[in-house]
Amino acid sequence: MFGLILIYVGLVLINNGLAGVIGFDKKATAVLNLICGCIIFFFNVVSAVLLVTSGAQSTSFFGPAVGFLFAITYFFLFANTVFSLDVRPFGYFCLFVCINALIAAYLDKANLYALLIWIAWAFFWFLGFVECSLNKSLGKFSSYVAIAEGIFTGWLPGLLILLGLWSW
């Protein structure tokens, strides 16, 4: 399931990044944010249900917990775009997710690639905090980071997992 989720993480990051670089209407990204958020949410619910029914230890739920943070990110982006909400709460949410991503990086420290991916995601969420809550414009930098992270932390790892060429 994780490879499938990563494909959609990559897709939405690339799309959101292109919106910032090319300059098309961000409302055009809202639908894809909603769709990807729903897909990610669904598969994390399935994962959590499988863990519950198997009698897994509470530590096993960290994966779905951070997975839900991804889904909420895309739901939040959808709502902010469609309803023109104040983005400061989203920025503080990004800081919270950044901290959790750093914890995940520490937990995945034995897997160098997973560690680097979590650090990259933490960095990107930190950029969200800087731009949205601190109101510091980073120009198109965040958009370029979104595209790069979409390719190298989402789409390609997801594809490699689905093809059986890499395991997280």
C-alpha atoms as a PDB file:
ATOM      1  CA  MET A   1       0.000   0.000   0.000  1.00  0.00           C
ATOM      2  CA  PHE A   2       2.830   2.375   0.817  1.00  0.00           C
ATOM      3  CA  GLY A   3       4.145   2.478  -2.752  1.00  0.00           C
ATOM      4  CA  LEU A   4       0.677   3.365  -3.999  1.00  0.00           C
ATOM      5  CA  ILE A   5       0.393   6.181  -1.453  1.00  0.00           C
ATOM      6  CA  LEU A   6       3.804   7.543  -2.451  1.00  0.00           C
ATOM      7  CA  ILE A   7       2.744   7.720  -6.105  1.00  0.00           C
ATOM      8  CA  TYR A   8      -0.093  10.068  -5.125  1.00  0.00           C
ATOM      9  CA  VAL A   9       2.131  12.076  -2.777  1.00  0.00           C
ATOM     10  CA  GLY A  10       4.488  12.575  -5.717  1.00  0.00           C
ATOM     11  CA  LEU A  11       1.671  13.493  -8.081  1.00  0.00           C
ATOM     12  CA  VAL A  12       0.186  16.151  -5.824  1.00  0.00           C
ATOM     13  CA  LEU A  13       3.570  17.653  -4.895  1.00  0.00           C
ATOM     14  CA  ILE A  14       4.582  17.931  -8.550  1.00  0.00           C
ATOM     15  CA  ASN A  15       1.214  19.452  -9.476  1.00  0.00           C
ATOM     16  CA  ASN A  16       1.271  21.963  -6.605  1.00  0.00           C
ATOM     17  CA  GLY A  17       4.865  22.882  -7.431  1.00  0.00           C
ATOM     18  CA  LEU A  18       4.046  23.424 -11.090  1.00  0.00           C
ATOM     19  CA  ALA A  19       1.180  25.705 -10.060  1.00  0.00           C
ATOM     20  CA  GLY A  20       3.677  27.908  -8.243  1.00  0.00           C
ATOM     21  CA  VAL A  21       6.344  27.842 -10.960  1.00  0.00           C
ATOM     22  CA  ILE A  22       4.107  28.252 -14.002  1.00  0.00           C
ATOM     23  CA  GLY A  23       1.630  30.464 -12.206  1.00  0.00           C
ATOM     24  CA  PHE A  24      -1.661  28.804 -13.090  1.00  0.00           C
ATOM     25  CA  ASP A  25      -4.641  29.343 -10.821  1.00  0.00           C
ATOM     26  CA  LYS A  26      -4.093  27.485  -7.553  1.00  0.00           C
ATOM     27  CA  LYS A  27      -7.805  26.640  -7.500  1.00  0.00           C
ATOM     28  CA  ALA A  28      -6.982  24.269 -10.341  1.00  0.00           C
ATOM     29  CA  THR A  29      -4.855  22.291  -7.861  1.00  0.00           C
ATOM     30  CA  ALA A  30      -7.640  22.027  -5.284  1.00  0.00           C
ATOM     31  CA  VAL A  31      -9.403  19.062  -6.897  1.00  0.00           C
ATOM     32  CA  LEU A  32      -6.217  17.015  -7.117  1.00  0.00           C
ATOM     33  CA  ASN A  33      -5.369  17.884  -3.498  1.00  0.00           C
ATOM     34  CA  LEU A  34      -8.796  16.608  -2.463  1.00  0.00           C
ATOM     35  CA  ILE A  35      -8.566  13.420  -4.543  1.00  0.00           C
ATOM     36  CA  CYS A  36      -5.054  12.582  -3.328  1.00  0.00           C
ATOM     37  CA  GLY A  37      -5.995  13.431   0.262  1.00  0.00           C
ATOM     38  CA  CYS A  38      -8.940  11.021   0.027  1.00  0.00           C
ATOM     39  CA  ILE A  39      -6.813   8.233  -1.475  1.00  0.00           C
ATOM     40  CA  ILE A  40      -4.116   8.648   1.173  1.00  0.00           C
ATOM     41  CA  PHE A  41      -6.737   8.836   3.928  1.00  0.00           C
ATOM     42  CA  PHE A  42      -8.502   5.695   2.663  1.00  0.00           C
ATOM     43  CA  PHE A  43      -5.359   3.566   2.517  1.00  0.00           C
ATOM     44  CA  ASN A  44      -4.267   4.716   5.966  1.00  0.00           C
ATOM     45  CA  VAL A  45      -7.708   3.778   7.334  1.00  0.00           C
ATOM     46  CA  VAL A  46      -7.295   0.340   5.735  1.00  0.00           C
ATOM     47  CA  SER A  47      -3.828   0.042   7.271  1.00  0.00           C
ATOM     48  CA  ALA A  48      -5.095   1.068  10.719  1.00  0.00           C
ATOM     49  CA  VAL A  49      -8.022  -1.374  10.513  1.00  0.00           C
ATOM     50  CA  LEU A  50      -5.673  -4.213   9.527  1.00  0.00           C
ATOM     51  CA  LEU A  51      -3.452  -3.354  12.491  1.00  0.00           C
ATOM     52  CA  VAL A  52      -6.419  -3.286  14.885  1.00  0.00           C
ATOM     53  CA  THR A  53      -7.808  -6.601  13.650  1.00  0.00           C
ATOM     54  CA  SER A  54      -4.382  -8.255  13.872  1.00  0.00           C
ATOM     55  CA  GLY A  55      -3.931  -7.172  17.485  1.00  0.00           C
ATOM     56  CA  ALA A  56      -0.848  -5.107  16.674  1.00  0.00           C
ATOM     57  CA  GLN A  57       1.057  -3.207  19.340  1.00  0.00           C
ATOM     58  CA  SER A  58       0.348   0.507  19.677  1.00  0.00           C
ATOM     59  CA  THR A  59       3.799   1.322  18.264  1.00  0.00           C
ATOM     60  CA  SER A  60       2.668  -0.213  14.956  1.00  0.00           C
ATOM     61  CA  PHE A  61       0.227   2.652  14.484  1.00  0.00           C
ATOM     62  CA  PHE A  62       2.910   5.297  13.938  1.00  0.00           C
ATOM     63  CA  GLY A  63       2.874   4.623  10.175  1.00  0.00           C
ATOM     64  CA  PRO A  64      -0.848   5.293   9.706  1.00  0.00           C
ATOM     65  CA  ALA A  65      -0.627   8.220  12.146  1.00  0.00           C
ATOM     66  CA  VAL A  66       1.926  10.059  10.014  1.00  0.00           C
ATOM     67  CA  GLY A  67       0.056   8.911   6.906  1.00  0.00           C
ATOM     68  CA  PHE A  68      -3.013  10.735   8.176  1.00  0.00           C
ATOM     69  CA  LEU A  69      -0.868  13.868   8.542  1.00  0.00           C
ATOM     70  CA  PHE A  70      -0.207  13.672   4.786  1.00  0.00           C
ATOM     71  CA  ALA A  71      -3.927  13.324   4.076  1.00  0.00           C
ATOM     72  CA  ILE A  72      -4.779  16.238   6.356  1.00  0.00           C
ATOM     73  CA  THR A  73      -2.117  18.327   4.595  1.00  0.00           C
ATOM     74  CA  TYR A  74      -3.910  17.879   1.276  1.00  0.00           C
ATOM     75  CA  PHE A  75      -7.364  18.407   2.821  1.00  0.00           C
ATOM     76  CA  PHE A  76      -6.056  21.604   4.410  1.00  0.00           C
ATOM     77  CA  LEU A  77      -4.601  22.801   1.080  1.00  0.00           C
ATOM     78  CA  PHE A  78      -7.907  22.039  -0.632  1.00  0.00           C
ATOM     79  CA  ALA A  79      -9.903  23.987   1.968  1.00  0.00           C
ATOM     80  CA  ASN A  80      -7.466  26.917   2.045  1.00  0.00           C
ATOM     81  CA  THR A  81      -7.628  27.224  -1.726  1.00  0.00           C
ATOM     82  CA  VAL A  82     -11.369  26.773  -2.204  1.00  0.00           C
ATOM     83  CA  PHE A  83     -12.505  28.811   0.797  1.00  0.00           C
ATOM     84  CA  SER A  84      -9.670  31.407   0.838  1.00  0.00           C
ATOM     85  CA  LEU A  85      -8.920  30.697   4.498  1.00  0.00           C
ATOM     86  CA  ASP A  86      -6.269  32.339   6.653  1.00  0.00           C
ATOM     87  CA  VAL A  87      -3.178  30.190   5.977  1.00  0.00           C
ATOM     88  CA  ARG A  88      -1.506  30.781   9.356  1.00  0.00           C
ATOM     89  CA  PRO A  89      -3.163  27.749  11.024  1.00  0.00           C
ATOM     90  CA  PHE A  90      -1.938  25.621   8.119  1.00  0.00           C
ATOM     91  CA  GLY A  91       1.586  26.914   8.758  1.00  0.00           C
ATOM     92  CA  TYR A  92       1.457  25.852  12.401  1.00  0.00           C
ATOM     93  CA  PHE A  93       0.093  22.480  11.301  1.00  0.00           C
ATOM     94  CA  CYS A  94       3.126  22.245   8.978  1.00  0.00           C
ATOM     95  CA  LEU A  95       5.445  22.889  11.931  1.00  0.00           C
ATOM     96  CA  PHE A  96       3.737  20.082  13.876  1.00  0.00           C
ATOM     97  CA  VAL A  97       4.102  17.714  10.914  1.00  0.00           C
ATOM     98  CA  CYS A  98       7.733  18.788  10.441  1.00  0.00           C
ATOM     99  CA  ILE A  99       8.495  17.732  14.014  1.00  0.00           C
ATOM    100  CA  ASN A 100       6.753  14.378  13.484  1.00  0.00           C
ATOM    101  CA  ALA A 101       8.667  13.856  10.231  1.00  0.00           C
ATOM    102  CA  LEU A 102      11.939  14.379  12.112  1.00  0.00           C
ATOM    103  CA  ILE A 103      10.828  11.768  14.652  1.00  0.00           C
ATOM    104  CA  ALA A 104      10.030   9.402  11.766  1.00  0.00           C
ATOM    105  CA  ALA A 105      13.484  10.102  10.291  1.00  0.00           C
ATOM    106  CA  TYR A 106      15.062   9.133  13.597  1.00  0.00           C
ATOM    107  CA  LEU A 107      12.990   5.949  13.776  1.00  0.00           C
ATOM    108  CA  ASP A 108      13.978   5.057  10.184  1.00  0.00           C
ATOM    109  CA  LYS A 109      17.670   5.882  10.712  1.00  0.00           C
ATOM    110  CA  ALA A 110      18.744   2.329   9.794  1.00  0.00           C
ATOM    111  CA  ASN A 111      17.396   2.861   6.262  1.00  0.00           C
ATOM    112  CA  LEU A 112      19.463   5.713   4.787  1.00  0.00           C
ATOM    113  CA  TYR A 113      17.056   6.441   1.927  1.00  0.00           C
ATOM    114  CA  ALA A 114      14.006   6.510   4.208  1.00  0.00           C
ATOM    115  CA  LEU A 115      15.908   8.749   6.621  1.00  0.00           C
ATOM    116  CA  LEU A 116      16.748  11.190   3.813  1.00  0.00           C
ATOM    117  CA  ILE A 117      13.174  11.174   2.520  1.00  0.00           C
ATOM    118  CA  TRP A 118      11.790  11.993   5.976  1.00  0.00           C
ATOM    119  CA  ILE A 119      14.327  14.804   6.387  1.00  0.00           C
ATOM    120  CA  ALA A 120      13.367  16.185   2.968  1.00  0.00           C
ATOM    121  CA  TRP A 121       9.685  16.096   3.914  1.00  0.00           C
ATOM    122  CA  ALA A 122      10.429  17.770   7.266  1.00  0.00           C
ATOM    123  CA  PHE A 123      12.277  20.522   5.390  1.00  0.00           C
ATOM    124  CA  PHE A 124       9.359  21.032   3.021  1.00  0.00           C
ATOM    125  CA  TRP A 125       6.814  21.219   5.838  1.00  0.00           C
ATOM    126  CA  PHE A 126       9.118  23.685   7.600  1.00  0.00           C
ATOM    127  CA  LEU A 127       8.977  25.848   4.463  1.00  0.00           C
ATOM    128  CA  GLY A 128       5.174  25.753   4.784  1.00  0.00           C
ATOM    129  CA  PHE A 129       5.485  27.043   8.343  1.00  0.00           C
ATOM    130  CA  VAL A 130       7.873  29.832   7.284  1.00  0.00           C
ATOM    131  CA  GLU A 131       5.687  30.981   4.405  1.00  0.00           C
ATOM    132  CA  CYS A 132       2.250  30.585   5.976  1.00  0.00           C
ATOM    133  CA  SER A 133       2.697  31.331   9.684  1.00  0.00           C
ATOM    134  CA  LEU A 134       5.730  33.619   9.604  1.00  0.00           C
ATOM    135  CA  ASN A 135       4.523  35.272   6.376  1.00  0.00           C
ATOM    136  CA  LYS A 136       7.990  35.148   4.785  1.00  0.00           C
ATOM    137  CA  SER A 137       7.874  34.923   1.016  1.00  0.00           C
ATOM    138  CA  LEU A 138      10.344  32.453  -0.445  1.00  0.00           C
ATOM    139  CA  GLY A 139       9.359  33.239  -4.022  1.00  0.00           C
ATOM    140  CA  LYS A 140       9.259  30.182  -6.241  1.00  0.00           C
ATOM    141  CA  PHE A 141      11.771  28.292  -4.088  1.00  0.00           C
ATOM    142  CA  SER A 142       9.077  26.258  -2.306  1.00  0.00           C
ATOM    143  CA  SER A 143       7.473  25.414  -5.641  1.00  0.00           C
ATOM    144  CA  TYR A 144      10.750  24.073  -7.025  1.00  0.00           C
ATOM    145  CA  VAL A 145      11.283  22.099  -3.811  1.00  0.00           C
ATOM    146  CA  ALA A 146       7.754  20.657  -4.185  1.00  0.00           C
ATOM    147  CA  ILE A 147       8.526  19.466  -7.709  1.00  0.00           C
ATOM    148  CA  ALA A 148      11.874  17.942  -6.696  1.00  0.00           C
ATOM    149  CA  GLU A 149      10.396  16.259  -3.628  1.00  0.00           C
ATOM    150  CA  GLY A 150       7.418  15.052  -5.641  1.00  0.00           C
ATOM    151  CA  ILE A 151       9.775  13.293  -8.020  1.00  0.00           C
ATOM    152  CA  PHE A 152      12.475  12.057  -5.625  1.00  0.00           C
ATOM    153  CA  THR A 153      10.540  11.392  -2.395  1.00  0.00           C
ATOM    154  CA  GLY A 154       7.146  10.432  -3.782  1.00  0.00           C
ATOM    155  CA  TRP A 155       6.815   9.286  -7.354  1.00  0.00           C
ATOM    156  CA  LEU A 156      10.141   7.459  -7.902  1.00  0.00           C
ATOM    157  CA  PRO A 157      10.267   5.689  -4.498  1.00  0.00           C
ATOM    158  CA  GLY A 158       6.593   4.730  -4.895  1.00  0.00           C
ATOM    159  CA  LEU A 159       7.249   3.380  -8.360  1.00  0.00           C
ATOM    160  CA  LEU A 160      10.298   1.414  -7.160  1.00  0.00           C
ATOM    161  CA  ILE A 161       8.289  -0.085  -4.286  1.00  0.00           C
ATOM    162  CA  LEU A 162       5.406  -1.069  -6.577  1.00  0.00           C
ATOM    163  CA  LEU A 163       7.840  -2.669  -9.039  1.00  0.00           C
ATOM    164  CA  GLY A 164       9.489  -4.628  -6.218  1.00  0.00           C
ATOM    165  CA  LEU A 165      12.825  -2.880  -6.744  1.00  0.00           C
ATOM    166  CA  TRP A 166      13.019  -1.221  -3.321  1.00  0.00           C
ATOM    167  CA  SER A 167      11.508  -1.791   0.081  1.00  0.00           C
ATOM    168  CA  TRP A 168      11.033   0.872   2.699  1.00  0.00           C
END
